[in-house]
Amino acid sequence: MQIHDASADMTTPRRGRPPTGARKAVLQVTLDEKTLDEIRDAAPVLGLSQAALGGALIKGEVSLADVQRAAKKGKGRK
């Protein structure tokens, strides 16, 4: 029995120009409401999108304490 690997289809284009940019994957995580609200409030203060801020948190480029401080500053901006 042969198992079809879907990831092989995603990485090799069949025809045309090769891809120019890096491929990005989507990671979904479950957050509690407080943390989600902090990310929503902190993203504009830090000059990042919510997705970029989440990626920076996962990579360790930004600490949760930094996000919480920025969220306090951003709460009055609504």
PDB file of N, CA and C in Angstrom:
ATOM      1  N   MET A   1       0.832  -1.170   0.000  1.00  0.00           N
ATOM      2  CA  MET A   1       0.000   0.000   0.000  1.00  0.00           C
ATOM      3  C   MET A   1       0.881   1.239   0.000  1.00  0.00           C
ATOM      4  N   GLN A   2       0.586   2.178  -0.894  1.00  0.00           N
ATOM      5  CA  GLN A   2       1.387   3.382  -1.010  1.00  0.00           C
ATOM      6  C   GLN A   2       0.711   4.528  -0.265  1.00  0.00           C
ATOM      7  N   ILE A   3       1.495   5.263   0.520  1.00  0.00           N
ATOM      8  CA  ILE A   3       0.973   6.399   1.266  1.00  0.00           C
ATOM      9  C   ILE A   3       1.350   7.664   0.516  1.00  0.00           C
ATOM     10  N   HIS A   4       0.353   8.486   0.237  1.00  0.00           N
ATOM     11  CA  HIS A   4       0.589   9.724  -0.492  1.00  0.00           C
ATOM     12  C   HIS A   4       1.022  10.814   0.479  1.00  0.00           C
ATOM     13  N   ASP A   5       2.151  11.456   0.202  1.00  0.00           N
ATOM     14  CA  ASP A   5       2.665  12.523   1.046  1.00  0.00           C
ATOM     15  C   ASP A   5       2.239  13.855   0.450  1.00  0.00           C
ATOM     16  N   ALA A   6       1.298  14.540   1.096  1.00  0.00           N
ATOM     17  CA  ALA A   6       0.791  15.811   0.584  1.00  0.00           C
ATOM     18  C   ALA A   6       1.828  16.907   0.657  1.00  0.00           C
ATOM     19  N   SER A   7       2.761  16.820   1.600  1.00  0.00           N
ATOM     20  CA  SER A   7       3.762  17.874   1.725  1.00  0.00           C
ATOM     21  C   SER A   7       4.699  17.890   0.528  1.00  0.00           C
ATOM     22  N   ALA A   8       4.888  16.771  -0.147  1.00  0.00           N
ATOM     23  CA  ALA A   8       5.741  16.751  -1.324  1.00  0.00           C
ATOM     24  C   ALA A   8       5.132  17.583  -2.443  1.00  0.00           C
ATOM     25  N   ASP A   9       3.809  17.588  -2.552  1.00  0.00           N
ATOM     26  CA  ASP A   9       3.140  18.385  -3.570  1.00  0.00           C
ATOM     27  C   ASP A   9       3.256  19.878  -3.279  1.00  0.00           C
ATOM     28  N   MET A  10       3.320  20.237  -2.011  1.00  0.00           N
ATOM     29  CA  MET A  10       3.356  21.642  -1.641  1.00  0.00           C
ATOM     30  C   MET A  10       4.734  22.263  -1.858  1.00  0.00           C
ATOM     31  N   THR A  11       5.789  21.486  -1.822  1.00  0.00           N
ATOM     32  CA  THR A  11       7.125  22.068  -1.884  1.00  0.00           C
ATOM     33  C   THR A  11       7.699  22.103  -3.287  1.00  0.00           C
ATOM     34  N   THR A  12       7.205  21.306  -4.210  1.00  0.00           N
ATOM     35  CA  THR A  12       7.778  21.286  -5.552  1.00  0.00           C
ATOM     36  C   THR A  12       6.734  21.738  -6.573  1.00  0.00           C
ATOM     37  N   PRO A  13       6.991  22.879  -7.219  1.00  0.00           N
ATOM     38  CA  PRO A  13       6.045  23.321  -8.234  1.00  0.00           C
ATOM     39  C   PRO A  13       6.132  22.434  -9.476  1.00  0.00           C
ATOM     40  N   ARG A  14       5.025  22.226 -10.134  1.00  0.00           N
ATOM     41  CA  ARG A  14       5.009  21.353 -11.309  1.00  0.00           C
ATOM     42  C   ARG A  14       5.534  22.066 -12.538  1.00  0.00           C
ATOM     43  N   ARG A  15       5.159  23.332 -12.711  1.00  0.00           N
ATOM     44  CA  ARG A  15       5.590  24.062 -13.891  1.00  0.00           C
ATOM     45  C   ARG A  15       5.645  25.539 -13.564  1.00  0.00           C
ATOM     46  N   GLY A  16       6.217  26.297 -14.450  1.00  0.00           N
ATOM     47  CA  GLY A  16       6.292  27.733 -14.247  1.00  0.00           C
ATOM     48  C   GLY A  16       7.510  28.143 -13.448  1.00  0.00           C
ATOM     49  N   ARG A  17       7.472  29.358 -13.025  1.00  0.00           N
ATOM     50  CA  ARG A  17       8.583  29.925 -12.273  1.00  0.00           C
ATOM     51  C   ARG A  17       8.691  29.316 -10.885  1.00  0.00           C
ATOM     52  N   PRO A  18       9.889  29.139 -10.376  1.00  0.00           N
ATOM     53  CA  PRO A  18      10.013  28.651  -8.997  1.00  0.00           C
ATOM     54  C   PRO A  18       9.542  29.731  -8.014  1.00  0.00           C
ATOM     55  N   PRO A  19       9.089  29.340  -6.853  1.00  0.00           N
ATOM     56  CA  PRO A  19       8.623  30.330  -5.879  1.00  0.00           C
ATOM     57  C   PRO A  19       9.761  31.238  -5.450  1.00  0.00           C
ATOM     58  N   THR A  20       9.457  32.522  -5.273  1.00  0.00           N
ATOM     59  CA  THR A  20      10.498  33.488  -4.936  1.00  0.00           C
ATOM     60  C   THR A  20      10.612  33.730  -3.433  1.00  0.00           C
ATOM     61  N   GLY A  21       9.531  33.567  -2.705  1.00  0.00           N
ATOM     62  CA  GLY A  21       9.562  33.853  -1.272  1.00  0.00           C
ATOM     63  C   GLY A  21       9.624  32.597  -0.430  1.00  0.00           C
ATOM     64  N   ALA A  22       9.881  32.813   0.834  1.00  0.00           N
ATOM     65  CA  ALA A  22       9.898  31.681   1.765  1.00  0.00           C
ATOM     66  C   ALA A  22       8.471  31.225   2.035  1.00  0.00           C
ATOM     67  N   ARG A  23       8.287  29.955   2.155  1.00  0.00           N
ATOM     68  CA  ARG A  23       6.957  29.423   2.460  1.00  0.00           C
ATOM     69  C   ARG A  23       6.685  29.593   3.942  1.00  0.00           C
ATOM     70  N   LYS A  24       5.438  29.907   4.251  1.00  0.00           N
ATOM     71  CA  LYS A  24       5.048  30.111   5.637  1.00  0.00           C
ATOM     72  C   LYS A  24       3.999  29.081   6.010  1.00  0.00           C
ATOM     73  N   ALA A  25       4.076  28.634   7.224  1.00  0.00           N
ATOM     74  CA  ALA A  25       3.101  27.678   7.740  1.00  0.00           C
ATOM     75  C   ALA A  25       2.245  28.382   8.786  1.00  0.00           C
ATOM     76  N   VAL A  26       1.061  27.901   8.988  1.00  0.00           N
ATOM     77  CA  VAL A  26       0.145  28.478   9.964  1.00  0.00           C
ATOM     78  C   VAL A  26       0.095  27.561  11.180  1.00  0.00           C
ATOM     79  N   LEU A  27       0.247  28.160  12.358  1.00  0.00           N
ATOM     80  CA  LEU A  27       0.166  27.429  13.614  1.00  0.00           C
ATOM     81  C   LEU A  27      -0.967  28.041  14.427  1.00  0.00           C
ATOM     82  N   GLN A  28      -1.898  27.236  14.839  1.00  0.00           N
ATOM     83  CA  GLN A  28      -3.000  27.726  15.654  1.00  0.00           C
ATOM     84  C   GLN A  28      -2.799  27.269  17.088  1.00  0.00           C
ATOM     85  N   VAL A  29      -2.942  28.206  18.009  1.00  0.00           N
ATOM     86  CA  VAL A  29      -2.818  27.887  19.429  1.00  0.00           C
ATOM     87  C   VAL A  29      -4.053  28.393  20.163  1.00  0.00           C
ATOM     88  N   THR A  30      -4.370  27.768  21.254  1.00  0.00           N
ATOM     89  CA  THR A  30      -5.504  28.173  22.067  1.00  0.00           C
ATOM     90  C   THR A  30      -5.009  29.091  23.177  1.00  0.00           C
ATOM     91  N   LEU A  31      -5.643  30.259  23.277  1.00  0.00           N
ATOM     92  CA  LEU A  31      -5.269  31.233  24.294  1.00  0.00           C
ATOM     93  C   LEU A  31      -6.480  31.544  25.164  1.00  0.00           C
ATOM     94  N   ASP A  32      -6.217  31.913  26.409  1.00  0.00           N
ATOM     95  CA  ASP A  32      -7.315  32.379  27.234  1.00  0.00           C
ATOM     96  C   ASP A  32      -7.650  33.818  26.824  1.00  0.00           C
ATOM     97  N   GLU A  33      -8.808  34.287  27.216  1.00  0.00           N
ATOM     98  CA  GLU A  33      -9.296  35.602  26.795  1.00  0.00           C
ATOM     99  C   GLU A  33      -8.357  36.731  27.228  1.00  0.00           C
ATOM    100  N   LYS A  34      -7.787  36.626  28.419  1.00  0.00           N
ATOM    101  CA  LYS A  34      -6.916  37.685  28.934  1.00  0.00           C
ATOM    102  C   LYS A  34      -5.679  37.836  28.055  1.00  0.00           C
ATOM    103  N   THR A  35      -5.055  36.728  27.716  1.00  0.00           N
ATOM    104  CA  THR A  35      -3.851  36.776  26.889  1.00  0.00           C
ATOM    105  C   THR A  35      -4.183  37.281  25.485  1.00  0.00           C
ATOM    106  N   LEU A  36      -5.299  36.846  24.935  1.00  0.00           N
ATOM    107  CA  LEU A  36      -5.716  37.298  23.615  1.00  0.00           C
ATOM    108  C   LEU A  36      -5.962  38.804  23.611  1.00  0.00           C
ATOM    109  N   ASP A  37      -6.622  39.309  24.641  1.00  0.00           N
ATOM    110  CA  ASP A  37      -6.853  40.751  24.738  1.00  0.00           C
ATOM    111  C   ASP A  37      -5.544  41.514  24.880  1.00  0.00           C
ATOM    112  N   GLU A  38      -4.585  40.955  25.618  1.00  0.00           N
ATOM    113  CA  GLU A  38      -3.286  41.604  25.764  1.00  0.00           C
ATOM    114  C   GLU A  38      -2.560  41.671  24.426  1.00  0.00           C
ATOM    115  N   ILE A  39      -2.628  40.609  23.636  1.00  0.00           N
ATOM    116  CA  ILE A  39      -1.981  40.619  22.322  1.00  0.00           C
ATOM    117  C   ILE A  39      -2.663  41.629  21.408  1.00  0.00           C
ATOM    118  N   ARG A  40      -3.990  41.689  21.445  1.00  0.00           N
ATOM    119  CA  ARG A  40      -4.726  42.653  20.620  1.00  0.00           C
ATOM    120  C   ARG A  40      -4.384  44.096  20.998  1.00  0.00           C
ATOM    121  N   ASP A  41      -4.234  44.374  22.288  1.00  0.00           N
ATOM    122  CA  ASP A  41      -3.920  45.724  22.741  1.00  0.00           C
ATOM    123  C   ASP A  41      -2.452  46.076  22.499  1.00  0.00           C
ATOM    124  N   ALA A  42      -1.556  45.101  22.604  1.00  0.00           N
ATOM    125  CA  ALA A  42      -0.126  45.366  22.498  1.00  0.00           C
ATOM    126  C   ALA A  42       0.369  45.462  21.062  1.00  0.00           C
ATOM    127  N   ALA A  43      -0.282  44.794  20.129  1.00  0.00           N
ATOM    128  CA  ALA A  43       0.211  44.746  18.752  1.00  0.00           C
ATOM    129  C   ALA A  43       0.388  46.135  18.144  1.00  0.00           C
ATOM    130  N   PRO A  44      -0.603  47.042  18.212  1.00  0.00           N
ATOM    131  CA  PRO A  44      -0.388  48.367  17.619  1.00  0.00           C
ATOM    132  C   PRO A  44       0.686  49.180  18.337  1.00  0.00           C
ATOM    133  N   VAL A  45       0.796  49.002  19.648  1.00  0.00           N
ATOM    134  CA  VAL A  45       1.805  49.737  20.417  1.00  0.00           C
ATOM    135  C   VAL A  45       3.205  49.319  19.994  1.00  0.00           C
ATOM    136  N   LEU A  46       3.390  48.027  19.751  1.00  0.00           N
ATOM    137  CA  LEU A  46       4.696  47.512  19.350  1.00  0.00           C
ATOM    138  C   LEU A  46       4.938  47.635  17.850  1.00  0.00           C
ATOM    139  N   GLY A  47       3.924  48.067  17.114  1.00  0.00           N
ATOM    140  CA  GLY A  47       4.083  48.245  15.673  1.00  0.00           C
ATOM    141  C   GLY A  47       4.088  46.939  14.895  1.00  0.00           C
ATOM    142  N   LEU A  48       3.408  45.939  15.420  1.00  0.00           N
ATOM    143  CA  LEU A  48       3.338  44.630  14.777  1.00  0.00           C
ATOM    144  C   LEU A  48       1.892  44.228  14.571  1.00  0.00           C
ATOM    145  N   SER A  49       1.676  43.307  13.651  1.00  0.00           N
ATOM    146  CA  SER A  49       0.350  42.712  13.540  1.00  0.00           C
ATOM    147  C   SER A  49       0.199  41.683  14.657  1.00  0.00           C
ATOM    148  N   GLN A  50      -1.022  41.250  14.892  1.00  0.00           N
ATOM    149  CA  GLN A  50      -1.250  40.245  15.927  1.00  0.00           C
ATOM    150  C   GLN A  50      -0.514  38.954  15.578  1.00  0.00           C
ATOM    151  N   ALA A  51      -0.512  38.587  14.298  1.00  0.00           N
ATOM    152  CA  ALA A  51       0.170  37.363  13.871  1.00  0.00           C
ATOM    153  C   ALA A  51       1.678  37.484  14.057  1.00  0.00           C
ATOM    154  N   ALA A  52       2.227  38.648  13.708  1.00  0.00           N
ATOM    155  CA  ALA A  52       3.673  38.847  13.866  1.00  0.00           C
ATOM    156  C   ALA A  52       4.059  38.842  15.344  1.00  0.00           C
ATOM    157  N   LEU A  53       3.217  39.420  16.175  1.00  0.00           N
ATOM    158  CA  LEU A  53       3.478  39.429  17.616  1.00  0.00           C
ATOM    159  C   LEU A  53       3.427  38.015  18.179  1.00  0.00           C
ATOM    160  N   GLY A  54       2.449  37.219  17.743  1.00  0.00           N
ATOM    161  CA  GLY A  54       2.372  35.824  18.179  1.00  0.00           C
ATOM    162  C   GLY A  54       3.599  35.033  17.741  1.00  0.00           C
ATOM    163  N   GLY A  55       4.055  35.262  16.524  1.00  0.00           N
ATOM    164  CA  GLY A  55       5.264  34.591  16.049  1.00  0.00           C
ATOM    165  C   GLY A  55       6.489  34.998  16.852  1.00  0.00           C
ATOM    166  N   ALA A  56       6.570  36.294  17.177  1.00  0.00           N
ATOM    167  CA  ALA A  56       7.693  36.774  17.979  1.00  0.00           C
ATOM    168  C   ALA A  56       7.666  36.166  19.383  1.00  0.00           C
ATOM    169  N   LEU A  57       6.472  35.979  19.940  1.00  0.00           N
ATOM    170  CA  LEU A  57       6.352  35.333  21.250  1.00  0.00           C
ATOM    171  C   LEU A  57       6.837  33.891  21.194  1.00  0.00           C
ATOM    172  N   ILE A  58       6.436  33.183  20.154  1.00  0.00           N
ATOM    173  CA  ILE A  58       6.829  31.776  20.032  1.00  0.00           C
ATOM    174  C   ILE A  58       8.336  31.648  19.845  1.00  0.00           C
ATOM    175  N   LYS A  59       8.920  32.549  19.051  1.00  0.00           N
ATOM    176  CA  LYS A  59      10.358  32.503  18.790  1.00  0.00           C
ATOM    177  C   LYS A  59      11.187  32.999  19.971  1.00  0.00           C
ATOM    178  N   GLY A  60      10.544  33.664  20.922  1.00  0.00           N
ATOM    179  CA  GLY A  60      11.264  34.183  22.080  1.00  0.00           C
ATOM    180  C   GLY A  60      11.861  35.556  21.837  1.00  0.00           C
ATOM    181  N   GLU A  61      11.460  36.230  20.752  1.00  0.00           N
ATOM    182  CA  GLU A  61      11.978  37.558  20.454  1.00  0.00           C
ATOM    183  C   GLU A  61      11.347  38.617  21.354  1.00  0.00           C
ATOM    184  N   VAL A  62      10.149  38.323  21.844  1.00  0.00           N
ATOM    185  CA  VAL A  62       9.418  39.213  22.744  1.00  0.00           C
ATOM    186  C   VAL A  62       8.955  38.367  23.919  1.00  0.00           C
ATOM    187  N   SER A  63       9.054  38.923  25.117  1.00  0.00           N
ATOM    188  CA  SER A  63       8.578  38.172  26.283  1.00  0.00           C
ATOM    189  C   SER A  63       7.119  38.523  26.568  1.00  0.00           C
ATOM    190  N   LEU A  64       6.451  37.669  27.288  1.00  0.00           N
ATOM    191  CA  LEU A  64       5.064  37.917  27.657  1.00  0.00           C
ATOM    192  C   LEU A  64       4.964  39.149  28.557  1.00  0.00           C
ATOM    193  N   ALA A  65       5.994  39.393  29.367  1.00  0.00           N
ATOM    194  CA  ALA A  65       6.003  40.586  30.219  1.00  0.00           C
ATOM    195  C   ALA A  65       6.035  41.858  29.364  1.00  0.00           C
ATOM    196  N   ASP A  66       6.796  41.830  28.245  1.00  0.00           N
ATOM    197  CA  ASP A  66       6.825  42.973  27.336  1.00  0.00           C
ATOM    198  C   ASP A  66       5.451  43.209  26.714  1.00  0.00           C
ATOM    199  N   VAL A  67       4.774  42.129  26.364  1.00  0.00           N
ATOM    200  CA  VAL A  67       3.441  42.229  25.775  1.00  0.00           C
ATOM    201  C   VAL A  67       2.468  42.803  26.793  1.00  0.00           C
ATOM    202  N   GLN A  68       2.561  42.368  28.036  1.00  0.00           N
ATOM    203  CA  GLN A  68       1.656  42.862  29.073  1.00  0.00           C
ATOM    204  C   GLN A  68       1.876  44.347  29.339  1.00  0.00           C
ATOM    205  N   ARG A  69       3.148  44.789  29.339  1.00  0.00           N
ATOM    206  CA  ARG A  69       3.442  46.215  29.530  1.00  0.00           C
ATOM    207  C   ARG A  69       2.889  47.043  28.370  1.00  0.00           C
ATOM    208  N   ALA A  70       3.092  46.557  27.159  1.00  0.00           N
ATOM    209  CA  ALA A  70       2.591  47.271  25.982  1.00  0.00           C
ATOM    210  C   ALA A  70       1.065  47.281  25.950  1.00  0.00           C
ATOM    211  N   ALA A  71       0.445  46.212  26.435  1.00  0.00           N
ATOM    212  CA  ALA A  71      -1.023  46.147  26.456  1.00  0.00           C
ATOM    213  C   ALA A  71      -1.592  47.199  27.400  1.00  0.00           C
ATOM    214  N   LYS A  72      -0.918  47.435  28.512  1.00  0.00           N
ATOM    215  CA  LYS A  72      -1.381  48.473  29.441  1.00  0.00           C
ATOM    216  C   LYS A  72      -1.320  49.842  28.792  1.00  0.00           C
ATOM    217  N   LYS A  73      -0.265  50.093  27.997  1.00  0.00           N
ATOM    218  CA  LYS A  73      -0.150  51.375  27.284  1.00  0.00           C
ATOM    219  C   LYS A  73      -1.204  51.484  26.190  1.00  0.00           C
ATOM    220  N   GLY A  74      -1.513  50.366  25.538  1.00  0.00           N
ATOM    221  CA  GLY A  74      -2.429  50.380  24.411  1.00  0.00           C
ATOM    222  C   GLY A  74      -3.894  50.340  24.775  1.00  0.00           C
ATOM    223  N   LYS A  75      -4.213  50.085  26.041  1.00  0.00           N
ATOM    224  CA  LYS A  75      -5.620  49.967  26.442  1.00  0.00           C
ATOM    225  C   LYS A  75      -6.374  51.274  26.222  1.00  0.00           C
ATOM    226  N   GLY A  76      -5.749  52.396  26.435  1.00  0.00           N
ATOM    227  CA  GLY A  76      -6.416  53.676  26.274  1.00  0.00           C
ATOM    228  C   GLY A  76      -6.543  54.134  24.840  1.00  0.00           C
ATOM    229  N   ARG A  77      -5.962  53.412  23.891  1.00  0.00           N
ATOM    230  CA  ARG A  77      -5.955  53.830  22.489  1.00  0.00           C
ATOM    231  C   ARG A  77      -7.210  53.456  21.736  1.00  0.00           C
ATOM    232  N   LYS A  78      -8.080  52.654  22.304  1.00  0.00           N
ATOM    233  CA  LYS A  78      -9.254  52.158  21.573  1.00  0.00           C
ATOM    234  C   LYS A  78     -10.201  53.240  21.192  1.00  0.00           C
TER     235      LYS A  78
END
